[in-house]
C-alpha atoms as a PDB file:
ATOM      1  CA  MET A   1      42.278 -35.050 166.927  1.00  0.00           C
ATOM      2  CA  VAL A   2      40.690 -38.244 165.682  1.00  0.00           C
ATOM      3  CA  GLY A   3      37.051 -37.280 166.133  1.00  0.00           C
ATOM      4  CA  ASP A   4      33.982 -39.457 166.585  1.00  0.00           C
ATOM      5  CA  CYS A   5      35.481 -42.337 164.547  1.00  0.00           C
ATOM      6  CA  ALA A   6      38.111 -43.272 167.131  1.00  0.00           C
ATOM      7  CA  ARG A   7      35.968 -42.371 170.136  1.00  0.00           C
ATOM      8  CA  ALA A   8      33.272 -44.744 168.950  1.00  0.00           C
ATOM      9  CA  VAL A   9      35.807 -47.510 168.388  1.00  0.00           C
ATOM     10  CA  VAL A  10      37.499 -47.147 171.761  1.00  0.00           C
ATOM     11  CA  ALA A  11      34.201 -46.898 173.616  1.00  0.00           C
ATOM     12  CA  SER A  12      32.400 -49.769 171.929  1.00  0.00           C
ATOM     13  CA  GLY A  13      35.204 -52.040 170.665  1.00  0.00           C
ATOM     14  CA  VAL A  14      33.425 -52.384 167.268  1.00  0.00           C
ATOM     15  CA  PRO A  15      35.256 -52.093 163.926  1.00  0.00           C
ATOM     16  CA  ILE A  16      35.859 -48.635 162.506  1.00  0.00           C
ATOM     17  CA  SER A  17      32.826 -47.455 160.599  1.00  0.00           C
ATOM     18  CA  PRO A  18      33.123 -47.469 156.820  1.00  0.00           C
ATOM     19  CA  ASN A  19      31.732 -43.924 156.967  1.00  0.00           C
ATOM     20  CA  CYS A  20      35.090 -42.851 158.386  1.00  0.00           C
ATOM     21  CA  SER A  21      37.447 -42.595 155.442  1.00  0.00           C
ATOM     22  CA  GLY A  22      40.809 -41.296 154.368  1.00  0.00           C
ATOM     23  CA  ARG A  23      43.105 -39.873 156.996  1.00  0.00           C
ATOM     24  CA  ARG A  24      40.290 -39.970 159.602  1.00  0.00           C
ATOM     25  CA  ARG A  25      40.282 -43.794 159.346  1.00  0.00           C
ATOM     26  CA  ILE A  26      44.078 -43.855 159.648  1.00  0.00           C
ATOM     27  CA  ALA A  27      44.005 -41.534 162.657  1.00  0.00           C
ATOM     28  CA  ALA A  28      41.295 -43.626 164.278  1.00  0.00           C
ATOM     29  CA  ARG A  29      43.326 -46.809 163.837  1.00  0.00           C
ATOM     30  CA  ARG A  30      46.371 -45.118 165.357  1.00  0.00           C
ATOM     31  CA  HIS A  31      44.303 -43.966 168.304  1.00  0.00           C
ATOM     32  CA  LEU A  32      42.952 -47.459 168.845  1.00  0.00           C
ATOM     33  CA  TYR A  33      46.440 -48.971 168.619  1.00  0.00           C
ATOM     34  CA  THR A  34      47.783 -46.517 171.187  1.00  0.00           C
ATOM     35  CA  ALA A  35      44.820 -47.111 173.503  1.00  0.00           C
ATOM     36  CA  SER A  36      45.451 -50.857 173.397  1.00  0.00           C
ATOM     37  CA  GLY A  37      48.878 -50.320 174.973  1.00  0.00           C
ATOM     38  CA  ARG A  38      50.674 -52.324 172.275  1.00  0.00           C
ATOM     39  CA  LEU A  39      53.146 -49.651 171.189  1.00  0.00           C
ATOM     40  CA  GLY A  40      56.792 -50.259 172.012  1.00  0.00           C
ATOM     41  CA  THR A  41      59.189 -47.677 173.391  1.00  0.00           C
ATOM     42  CA  HIS A  42      60.643 -44.952 171.241  1.00  0.00           C
ATOM     43  CA  ALA A  43      63.777 -45.490 169.210  1.00  0.00           C
ATOM     44  CA  ILE A  44      67.069 -45.127 171.037  1.00  0.00           C
ATOM     45  CA  GLY A  45      70.679 -45.086 169.926  1.00  0.00           C
ATOM     46  CA  GLY A  46      71.788 -48.079 167.919  1.00  0.00           C
ATOM     47  CA  VAL A  47      74.965 -50.122 167.814  1.00  0.00           C
ATOM     48  CA  SER A  48      77.662 -49.931 165.180  1.00  0.00           C
ATOM     49  CA  VAL A  49      76.558 -52.106 162.260  1.00  0.00           C
ATOM     50  CA  PRO A  50      79.016 -53.636 159.777  1.00  0.00           C
ATOM     51  CA  ALA A  51      78.309 -52.765 156.148  1.00  0.00           C
ATOM     52  CA  GLY A  52      75.782 -55.177 154.684  1.00  0.00           C
ATOM     53  CA  TYR A  53      74.848 -56.736 158.043  1.00  0.00           C
ATOM     54  CA  ILE A  54      71.826 -59.015 157.634  1.00  0.00           C
ATOM     55  CA  LEU A  55      69.146 -58.988 160.323  1.00  0.00           C
ATOM     56  CA  GLY A  56      68.364 -62.296 161.974  1.00  0.00           C
ATOM     57  CA  PRO A  57      66.111 -63.772 164.678  1.00  0.00           C
ATOM     58  CA  ASN A  58      66.438 -62.103 168.099  1.00  0.00           C
ATOM     59  CA  ASP A  59      68.173 -59.006 166.754  1.00  0.00           C
ATOM     60  CA  GLN A  60      66.620 -55.943 168.412  1.00  0.00           C
ATOM     61  CA  VAL A  61      65.619 -53.117 166.078  1.00  0.00           C
ATOM     62  CA  ALA A  62      63.910 -49.750 166.344  1.00  0.00           C
ATOM     63  CA  VAL A  63      61.483 -48.450 163.729  1.00  0.00           C
ATOM     64  CA  ASP A  64      61.149 -44.670 163.522  1.00  0.00           C
ATOM     65  CA  VAL A  65      58.483 -43.157 161.246  1.00  0.00           C
ATOM     66  CA  PHE A  66      59.282 -39.486 160.676  1.00  0.00           C
ATOM     67  CA  ASP A  67      56.629 -37.122 162.049  1.00  0.00           C
ATOM     68  CA  GLU A  68      54.504 -40.093 163.208  1.00  0.00           C
ATOM     69  CA  PRO A  69      55.481 -40.630 166.879  1.00  0.00           C
ATOM     70  CA  ASP A  70      52.599 -43.065 167.492  1.00  0.00           C
ATOM     71  CA  LEU A  71      54.149 -45.457 164.974  1.00  0.00           C
ATOM     72  CA  ARG A  72      57.590 -45.605 166.584  1.00  0.00           C
ATOM     73  CA  THR A  73      58.428 -48.963 168.102  1.00  0.00           C
ATOM     74  CA  ASN A  74      61.256 -51.294 168.922  1.00  0.00           C
ATOM     75  CA  GLY A  75      61.524 -54.971 169.670  1.00  0.00           C
ATOM     76  CA  ARG A  76      63.357 -58.183 168.948  1.00  0.00           C
ATOM     77  CA  LEU A  77      62.691 -60.230 165.855  1.00  0.00           C
ATOM     78  CA  ASN A  78      61.015 -63.457 166.932  1.00  0.00           C
ATOM     79  CA  PRO A  79      62.574 -66.885 166.215  1.00  0.00           C
ATOM     80  CA  GLU A  80      60.958 -66.809 162.760  1.00  0.00           C
ATOM     81  CA  GLY A  81      62.523 -63.412 162.027  1.00  0.00           C
ATOM     82  CA  ASP A  82      59.298 -61.368 162.295  1.00  0.00           C
ATOM     83  CA  LEU A  83      58.695 -58.038 164.056  1.00  0.00           C
ATOM     84  CA  ASN A  84      55.333 -56.816 165.320  1.00  0.00           C
ATOM     85  CA  VAL A  85      54.851 -53.368 163.772  1.00  0.00           C
ATOM     86  CA  PRO A  86      52.068 -50.853 164.609  1.00  0.00           C
ATOM     87  CA  LEU A  87      49.110 -51.114 162.203  1.00  0.00           C
ATOM     88  CA  LEU A  88      50.925 -53.627 159.973  1.00  0.00           C
ATOM     89  CA  GLY A  89      51.149 -56.537 162.380  1.00  0.00           C
ATOM     90  CA  SER A  90      53.844 -59.220 162.075  1.00  0.00           C
ATOM     91  CA  ILE A  91      56.346 -58.386 159.307  1.00  0.00           C
ATOM     92  CA  HIS A  92      59.246 -60.628 158.249  1.00  0.00           C
ATOM     93  CA  LEU A  93      62.512 -58.666 158.382  1.00  0.00           C
ATOM     94  CA  ALA A  94      65.121 -61.408 158.805  1.00  0.00           C
ATOM     95  CA  GLY A  95      67.395 -61.710 155.803  1.00  0.00           C
ATOM     96  CA  LEU A  96      67.307 -57.949 155.121  1.00  0.00           C
ATOM     97  CA  THR A  97      69.745 -55.160 155.896  1.00  0.00           C
ATOM     98  CA  THR A  98      68.392 -52.274 157.974  1.00  0.00           C
ATOM     99  CA  THR A  99      68.130 -50.218 154.770  1.00  0.00           C
ATOM    100  CA  GLN A 100      66.154 -52.971 153.036  1.00  0.00           C
ATOM    101  CA  ALA A 101      63.934 -53.364 156.102  1.00  0.00           C
ATOM    102  CA  ALA A 102      63.177 -49.621 156.024  1.00  0.00           C
ATOM    103  CA  SER A 103      62.277 -49.882 152.324  1.00  0.00           C
ATOM    104  CA  ARG A 104      60.002 -52.846 153.040  1.00  0.00           C
ATOM    105  CA  LEU A 105      58.136 -50.984 155.778  1.00  0.00           C
ATOM    106  CA  THR A 106      57.927 -47.850 153.631  1.00  0.00           C
ATOM    107  CA  GLU A 107      56.239 -49.885 150.913  1.00  0.00           C
ATOM    108  CA  LEU A 108      53.736 -51.451 153.326  1.00  0.00           C
ATOM    109  CA  TYR A 109      52.804 -48.215 155.082  1.00  0.00           C
ATOM    110  CA  SER A 110      52.417 -46.463 151.714  1.00  0.00           C
ATOM    111  CA  ARG A 111      49.779 -48.943 150.557  1.00  0.00           C
ATOM    112  CA  ASP A 112      47.050 -48.086 153.057  1.00  0.00           C
ATOM    113  CA  TYR A 113      48.186 -45.652 155.709  1.00  0.00           C
ATOM    114  CA  LEU A 114      50.730 -42.948 154.855  1.00  0.00           C
ATOM    115  CA  VAL A 115      51.718 -40.750 151.937  1.00  0.00           C
ATOM    116  CA  LYS A 116      55.438 -40.891 151.191  1.00  0.00           C
ATOM    117  CA  PRO A 117      56.491 -41.989 154.677  1.00  0.00           C
ATOM    118  CA  LYS A 118      60.078 -41.569 155.819  1.00  0.00           C
ATOM    119  CA  ILE A 119      61.144 -44.601 157.829  1.00  0.00           C
ATOM    120  CA  ASN A 120      64.398 -45.471 159.524  1.00  0.00           C
ATOM    121  CA  VAL A 121      65.302 -48.887 160.951  1.00  0.00           C
ATOM    122  CA  THR A 122      68.103 -48.995 163.516  1.00  0.00           C
ATOM    123  CA  LEU A 123      69.794 -52.036 165.016  1.00  0.00           C
ATOM    124  CA  LEU A 124      69.712 -51.595 168.807  1.00  0.00           C
ATOM    125  CA  SER A 125      71.450 -54.818 169.831  1.00  0.00           C
ATOM    126  CA  TYR A 126      72.552 -58.052 168.252  1.00  0.00           C
ATOM    127  CA  ALA A 127      71.037 -61.409 169.022  1.00  0.00           C
ATOM    128  CA  LYS A 128      73.189 -63.369 171.409  1.00  0.00           C
ATOM    129  CA  ARG A 129      75.706 -65.398 169.411  1.00  0.00           C
ATOM    130  CA  HIS A 130      77.911 -68.120 170.802  1.00  0.00           C
ATOM    131  CA  PHE A 131      80.704 -70.512 170.026  1.00  0.00           C
ATOM    132  CA  VAL A 132      81.821 -73.640 171.900  1.00  0.00           C
ATOM    133  CA  ILE A 133      85.392 -74.387 172.881  1.00  0.00           C
ATOM    134  CA  LEU A 134      86.508 -77.800 174.164  1.00  0.00           C
ATOM    135  CA  GLY A 135      89.723 -79.565 175.007  1.00  0.00           C
ATOM    136  CA  GLN A 136      92.873 -78.074 176.471  1.00  0.00           C
ATOM    137  CA  VAL A 137      91.812 -74.568 177.487  1.00  0.00           C
ATOM    138  CA  GLY A 138      91.360 -73.009 180.887  1.00  0.00           C
ATOM    139  CA  HIS A 139      87.572 -72.668 180.749  1.00  0.00           C
ATOM    140  CA  ALA A 140      85.951 -74.981 178.214  1.00  0.00           C
ATOM    141  CA  GLY A 141      82.286 -74.439 177.403  1.00  0.00           C
ATOM    142  CA  ILE A 142      79.883 -72.092 175.629  1.00  0.00           C
ATOM    143  CA  ILE A 143      81.204 -68.547 175.150  1.00  0.00           C
ATOM    144  CA  GLU A 144      79.222 -65.525 174.016  1.00  0.00           C
ATOM    145  CA  MET A 145      80.498 -63.540 171.056  1.00  0.00           C
ATOM    146  CA  PRO A 146      81.324 -59.888 171.815  1.00  0.00           C
ATOM    147  CA  GLU A 147      78.570 -57.566 170.547  1.00  0.00           C
ATOM    148  CA  SER A 148      81.254 -55.564 168.763  1.00  0.00           C
ATOM    149  CA  SER A 149      82.069 -58.599 166.590  1.00  0.00           C
ATOM    150  CA  PRO A 150      78.746 -60.166 165.531  1.00  0.00           C
ATOM    151  CA  GLY A 151      80.262 -61.858 162.495  1.00  0.00           C
ATOM    152  CA  GLY A 152      82.983 -63.649 164.398  1.00  0.00           C
ATOM    153  CA  ILE A 153      86.286 -63.219 166.215  1.00  0.00           C
ATOM    154  CA  ASP A 154      89.886 -64.252 165.651  1.00  0.00           C
ATOM    155  CA  LEU A 155      90.774 -67.753 166.848  1.00  0.00           C
ATOM    156  CA  LEU A 156      93.506 -66.470 169.167  1.00  0.00           C
ATOM    157  CA  GLU A 157      91.020 -64.077 170.782  1.00  0.00           C
ATOM    158  CA  ALA A 158      88.558 -66.958 171.234  1.00  0.00           C
ATOM    159  CA  ILE A 159      91.214 -69.005 172.989  1.00  0.00           C
ATOM    160  CA  ALA A 160      92.072 -66.066 175.241  1.00  0.00           C
ATOM    161  CA  MET A 161      88.390 -65.701 176.150  1.00  0.00           C
ATOM    162  CA  ALA A 162      88.427 -69.365 177.206  1.00  0.00           C
ATOM    163  CA  GLY A 163      91.294 -68.771 179.645  1.00  0.00           C
ATOM    164  CA  GLY A 164      94.147 -69.624 177.321  1.00  0.00           C
ATOM    165  CA  TYR A 165      95.851 -72.969 176.834  1.00  0.00           C
ATOM    166  CA  THR A 166      96.433 -75.572 179.510  1.00  0.00           C
ATOM    167  CA  ARG A 167      99.959 -76.833 180.200  1.00  0.00           C
ATOM    168  CA  ILE A 168      99.469 -79.853 177.928  1.00  0.00           C
ATOM    169  CA  ALA A 169      97.681 -78.090 175.052  1.00  0.00           C
ATOM    170  CA  ALA A 170      98.825 -78.552 171.469  1.00  0.00           C
ATOM    171  CA  PRO A 171      98.091 -75.246 169.669  1.00  0.00           C
ATOM    172  CA  GLU A 172      99.139 -76.816 166.367  1.00  0.00           C
ATOM    173  CA  ARG A 173      96.344 -79.406 166.701  1.00  0.00           C
ATOM    174  CA  ILE A 174      93.105 -77.444 166.710  1.00  0.00           C
ATOM    175  CA  THR A 175      89.949 -78.509 164.904  1.00  0.00           C
ATOM    176  CA  VAL A 176      86.904 -76.350 164.203  1.00  0.00           C
ATOM    177  CA  ARG A 177      83.559 -77.908 163.397  1.00  0.00           C
ATOM    178  CA  ARG A 178      81.305 -75.570 161.403  1.00  0.00           C
ATOM    179  CA  HIS A 179      77.755 -76.257 160.321  1.00  0.00           C
ATOM    180  CA  ASN A 180      76.624 -74.985 156.932  1.00  0.00           C
ATOM    181  CA  ALA A 181      73.931 -75.743 154.379  1.00  0.00           C
ATOM    182  CA  ASN A 182      75.812 -78.836 153.214  1.00  0.00           C
ATOM    183  CA  GLY A 183      76.292 -80.279 156.692  1.00  0.00           C
ATOM    184  CA  ASP A 184      79.198 -80.191 159.136  1.00  0.00           C
ATOM    185  CA  GLN A 185      82.618 -79.091 157.947  1.00  0.00           C
ATOM    186  CA  ILE A 186      85.783 -79.978 159.901  1.00  0.00           C
ATOM    187  CA  LEU A 187      88.620 -77.460 159.636  1.00  0.00           C
ATOM    188  CA  LYS A 188      92.152 -78.051 160.941  1.00  0.00           C
ATOM    189  CA  VAL A 189      94.045 -75.021 162.219  1.00  0.00           C
ATOM    190  CA  ASN A 190      97.636 -74.567 163.387  1.00  0.00           C
ATOM    191  CA  ALA A 191      97.308 -71.784 165.975  1.00  0.00           C
ATOM    192  CA  LYS A 192     101.034 -71.948 166.730  1.00  0.00           C
ATOM    193  CA  ARG A 193     101.725 -70.633 163.243  1.00  0.00           C
ATOM    194  CA  LEU A 194      99.017 -67.986 163.621  1.00  0.00           C
ATOM    195  CA  ALA A 195     100.585 -66.774 166.872  1.00  0.00           C
ATOM    196  CA  LYS A 196     103.859 -66.262 164.989  1.00  0.00           C
ATOM    197  CA  GLY A 197     102.107 -64.152 162.389  1.00  0.00           C
ATOM    198  CA  LYS A 198     102.203 -66.850 159.742  1.00  0.00           C
ATOM    199  CA  GLY A 199      99.266 -67.984 157.636  1.00  0.00           C
ATOM    200  CA  GLY A 200      97.105 -64.921 158.198  1.00  0.00           C
ATOM    201  CA  GLY A 201      94.309 -65.400 160.710  1.00  0.00           C
ATOM    202  CA  PHE A 202      91.330 -67.643 161.312  1.00  0.00           C
ATOM    203  CA  LEU A 203      87.828 -66.284 161.966  1.00  0.00           C
ATOM    204  CA  VAL A 204      85.694 -68.162 164.476  1.00  0.00           C
ATOM    205  CA  GLU A 205      82.067 -67.813 163.426  1.00  0.00           C
ATOM    206  CA  PRO A 206      78.932 -68.009 165.585  1.00  0.00           C
ATOM    207  CA  GLY A 207      78.000 -71.645 166.149  1.00  0.00           C
ATOM    208  CA  ASP A 208      81.509 -73.005 165.653  1.00  0.00           C
ATOM    209  CA  THR A 209      82.844 -75.729 167.957  1.00  0.00           C
ATOM    210  CA  ILE A 210      86.578 -75.470 168.628  1.00  0.00           C
ATOM    211  CA  THR A 211      88.586 -78.359 170.046  1.00  0.00           C
ATOM    212  CA  VAL A 212      92.136 -77.749 171.268  1.00  0.00           C
ATOM    213  CA  GLY A 213      94.152 -80.931 171.115  1.00  0.00           C
ATOM    214  CA  GLU A 214      96.479 -82.420 173.715  1.00  0.00           C
ATOM    215  CA  SER A 215     100.238 -82.694 173.340  1.00  0.00           C
ATOM    216  CA  ILE A 216     101.610 -86.170 172.706  1.00  0.00           C
ATOM    217  CA  PHE A 217     104.712 -86.791 174.831  1.00  0.00           C
END
């Protein structure tokens, strides 16, 4: 029950009166936020998250505030890595783990709105991540990373996803172009050795461009 504070706000559209204080002001703001239709849907089950996974733009997360159903929301981080959160507005969460994001929101809600809030942040789905494969494969082009492997997949799996090698492919002549903070890096990989269980494995990361060379007769 938010009383005359919220009713006056919703009816007139004017700012909450300074005469409304404490939890009545908080309740009135919640009521106004709900009335505006800006709340997202309630939290749902999340995906399996690797230890230490860092949130990034377009990841979809759910925010659940214990015993505060009006503050539950979910959405995708925008291209800048921000999430629109009830009462708080746009909050930057990219670069944080889900645990760190929950701590950040706990701190912000504690300042003006809630006493010792309990907040959980869940990753609902990963941003779409891709790699490019060119050259002597069955289906060259842009390929989406499996959601189960957001950090990357094995090179041999990537080649399989592209339809395997063509008849004239040279698995021992594969190059991978990878962009990092210092610019483009060119890596040479012998997938023939990898297929024989030699040399460990090679992880294809989101954004990589793979080129499978052609046999020289």
